[in-house]
Amino acid sequence: MKIRETASAGLTCRDVVGLLADFLERTLTERRIVELEEHLAGCEPCRAYLNTYRRTKELTARTERAEMPEEMRKRLRDFLIRQLSSEGLRP
């Protein structure tokens, strides 16, 4: 993404990317929202990034967490204990 600054808002693309999570969570000040929206209005790459970010967030929220089977948990625990022990560390 080409980093640029809009004349009206003064936000760079990097600034916008850093604000997207807060923008989607609606935790920005009204002034900052206006600045961000002005930048987005004139910056196709940032709009595309926002759409991708928004979609990724939606898809991630829909995924279900899979619980690790007990046998695999035990094997992982045993493996980590062996690794820590071989390095002279205590679990």
C-alpha atoms as a PDB file:
ATOM      1  CA  MET A   1       0.000   0.000   0.000  1.00  0.00           C
ATOM      2  CA  LYS A   2       1.396   3.360  -0.991  1.00  0.00           C
ATOM      3  CA  ILE A   3       1.693   5.616   2.049  1.00  0.00           C
ATOM      4  CA  ARG A   4       0.093   8.975   1.372  1.00  0.00           C
ATOM      5  CA  GLU A   5      -1.437  11.841   3.245  1.00  0.00           C
ATOM      6  CA  THR A   6      -4.752  13.431   2.339  1.00  0.00           C
ATOM      7  CA  ALA A   7      -4.859  17.193   2.354  1.00  0.00           C
ATOM      8  CA  SER A   8      -8.151  17.421   4.219  1.00  0.00           C
ATOM      9  CA  ALA A   9      -7.591  14.938   7.020  1.00  0.00           C
ATOM     10  CA  GLY A  10      -3.851  14.762   7.427  1.00  0.00           C
ATOM     11  CA  LEU A  11      -3.983  11.013   8.092  1.00  0.00           C
ATOM     12  CA  THR A  12      -1.559   8.746   6.303  1.00  0.00           C
ATOM     13  CA  CYS A  13      -2.514   5.279   5.139  1.00  0.00           C
ATOM     14  CA  ARG A  14      -0.393   3.944   7.984  1.00  0.00           C
ATOM     15  CA  ASP A  15      -2.433   6.043  10.456  1.00  0.00           C
ATOM     16  CA  VAL A  16      -5.661   4.687   9.017  1.00  0.00           C
ATOM     17  CA  VAL A  17      -4.526   1.068   9.254  1.00  0.00           C
ATOM     18  CA  GLY A  18      -3.613   1.680  12.898  1.00  0.00           C
ATOM     19  CA  LEU A  19      -7.082   3.045  13.618  1.00  0.00           C
ATOM     20  CA  LEU A  20      -9.202   0.397  11.895  1.00  0.00           C
ATOM     21  CA  ALA A  21      -9.738  -1.846  14.924  1.00  0.00           C
ATOM     22  CA  ASP A  22     -10.906   1.108  17.013  1.00  0.00           C
ATOM     23  CA  PHE A  23     -13.031   2.319  14.105  1.00  0.00           C
ATOM     24  CA  LEU A  24     -14.818  -1.015  13.829  1.00  0.00           C
ATOM     25  CA  GLU A  25     -15.213  -1.220  17.608  1.00  0.00           C
ATOM     26  CA  ARG A  26     -16.646   2.319  17.579  1.00  0.00           C
ATOM     27  CA  THR A  27     -14.206   3.629  20.158  1.00  0.00           C
ATOM     28  CA  LEU A  28     -12.835   6.600  18.200  1.00  0.00           C
ATOM     29  CA  THR A  29     -13.714  10.205  18.912  1.00  0.00           C
ATOM     30  CA  GLU A  30     -16.125  11.890  16.532  1.00  0.00           C
ATOM     31  CA  ARG A  31     -13.287  14.089  15.221  1.00  0.00           C
ATOM     32  CA  ARG A  32     -11.078  11.062  14.509  1.00  0.00           C
ATOM     33  CA  ILE A  33     -13.956   9.266  12.742  1.00  0.00           C
ATOM     34  CA  VAL A  34     -14.439  12.275  10.463  1.00  0.00           C
ATOM     35  CA  GLU A  35     -10.702  12.358   9.679  1.00  0.00           C
ATOM     36  CA  LEU A  36     -10.657   8.635   8.961  1.00  0.00           C
ATOM     37  CA  GLU A  37     -13.770   8.756   6.782  1.00  0.00           C
ATOM     38  CA  GLU A  38     -12.347  11.698   4.814  1.00  0.00           C
ATOM     39  CA  HIS A  39      -9.189   9.701   4.165  1.00  0.00           C
ATOM     40  CA  LEU A  40     -11.178   6.612   3.165  1.00  0.00           C
ATOM     41  CA  ALA A  41     -13.293   8.659   0.756  1.00  0.00           C
ATOM     42  CA  GLY A  42     -10.192   9.517  -1.239  1.00  0.00           C
ATOM     43  CA  CYS A  43      -8.111   6.369  -0.841  1.00  0.00           C
ATOM     44  CA  GLU A  44      -9.129   3.204  -2.663  1.00  0.00           C
ATOM     45  CA  PRO A  45      -6.300   1.062  -1.180  1.00  0.00           C
ATOM     46  CA  CYS A  46      -7.410   1.922   2.371  1.00  0.00           C
ATOM     47  CA  ARG A  47     -11.052   1.196   1.529  1.00  0.00           C
ATOM     48  CA  ALA A  48      -9.997  -2.186   0.149  1.00  0.00           C
ATOM     49  CA  TYR A  49      -7.924  -2.845   3.270  1.00  0.00           C
ATOM     50  CA  LEU A  50     -10.872  -1.892   5.501  1.00  0.00           C
ATOM     51  CA  ASN A  51     -13.171  -4.253   3.598  1.00  0.00           C
ATOM     52  CA  THR A  52     -10.660  -7.091   3.907  1.00  0.00           C
ATOM     53  CA  TYR A  53     -10.112  -6.344   7.607  1.00  0.00           C
ATOM     54  CA  ARG A  54     -13.866  -6.212   8.247  1.00  0.00           C
ATOM     55  CA  ARG A  55     -14.448  -9.501   6.401  1.00  0.00           C
ATOM     56  CA  THR A  56     -11.595 -11.233   8.222  1.00  0.00           C
ATOM     57  CA  LYS A  57     -13.028 -10.106  11.547  1.00  0.00           C
ATOM     58  CA  GLU A  58     -16.482 -11.421  10.593  1.00  0.00           C
ATOM     59  CA  LEU A  59     -15.132 -14.791   9.486  1.00  0.00           C
ATOM     60  CA  THR A  60     -12.963 -15.146  12.569  1.00  0.00           C
ATOM     61  CA  ALA A  61     -15.929 -14.422  14.825  1.00  0.00           C
ATOM     62  CA  ARG A  62     -17.893 -17.209  13.142  1.00  0.00           C
ATOM     63  CA  THR A  63     -15.314 -19.915  13.635  1.00  0.00           C
ATOM     64  CA  GLU A  64     -15.851 -22.281  16.483  1.00  0.00           C
ATOM     65  CA  ARG A  65     -13.139 -23.033  18.935  1.00  0.00           C
ATOM     66  CA  ALA A  66     -12.165 -26.660  18.892  1.00  0.00           C
ATOM     67  CA  GLU A  67     -11.193 -28.191  22.179  1.00  0.00           C
ATOM     68  CA  MET A  68      -8.004 -30.202  22.172  1.00  0.00           C
ATOM     69  CA  PRO A  69      -8.711 -33.891  22.839  1.00  0.00           C
ATOM     70  CA  GLU A  70      -7.517 -35.089  26.254  1.00  0.00           C
ATOM     71  CA  GLU A  71      -5.057 -37.586  24.739  1.00  0.00           C
ATOM     72  CA  MET A  72      -3.424 -34.872  22.658  1.00  0.00           C
ATOM     73  CA  ARG A  73      -3.272 -32.557  25.681  1.00  0.00           C
ATOM     74  CA  LYS A  74      -1.515 -35.279  27.666  1.00  0.00           C
ATOM     75  CA  ARG A  75       0.965 -35.960  24.856  1.00  0.00           C
ATOM     76  CA  LEU A  76       1.712 -32.257  24.514  1.00  0.00           C
ATOM     77  CA  ARG A  77       2.171 -31.868  28.272  1.00  0.00           C
ATOM     78  CA  ASP A  78       4.519 -34.892  28.371  1.00  0.00           C
ATOM     79  CA  PHE A  79       6.490 -33.563  25.415  1.00  0.00           C
ATOM     80  CA  LEU A  80       6.912 -30.127  27.006  1.00  0.00           C
ATOM     81  CA  ILE A  81       8.001 -31.662  30.306  1.00  0.00           C
ATOM     82  CA  ARG A  82      10.607 -33.771  28.480  1.00  0.00           C
ATOM     83  CA  GLN A  83      11.857 -30.730  26.581  1.00  0.00           C
ATOM     84  CA  LEU A  84      12.100 -28.598  29.710  1.00  0.00           C
ATOM     85  CA  SER A  85      13.809 -31.407  31.599  1.00  0.00           C
ATOM     86  CA  SER A  86      16.373 -31.956  28.841  1.00  0.00           C
ATOM     87  CA  GLU A  87      17.267 -28.250  28.979  1.00  0.00           C
ATOM     88  CA  GLY A  88      17.768 -28.392  32.733  1.00  0.00           C
ATOM     89  CA  LEU A  89      14.602 -26.404  33.440  1.00  0.00           C
ATOM     90  CA  ARG A  90      11.866 -27.463  35.794  1.00  0.00           C
ATOM     91  CA  PRO A  91       8.260 -27.489  34.613  1.00  0.00           C
END
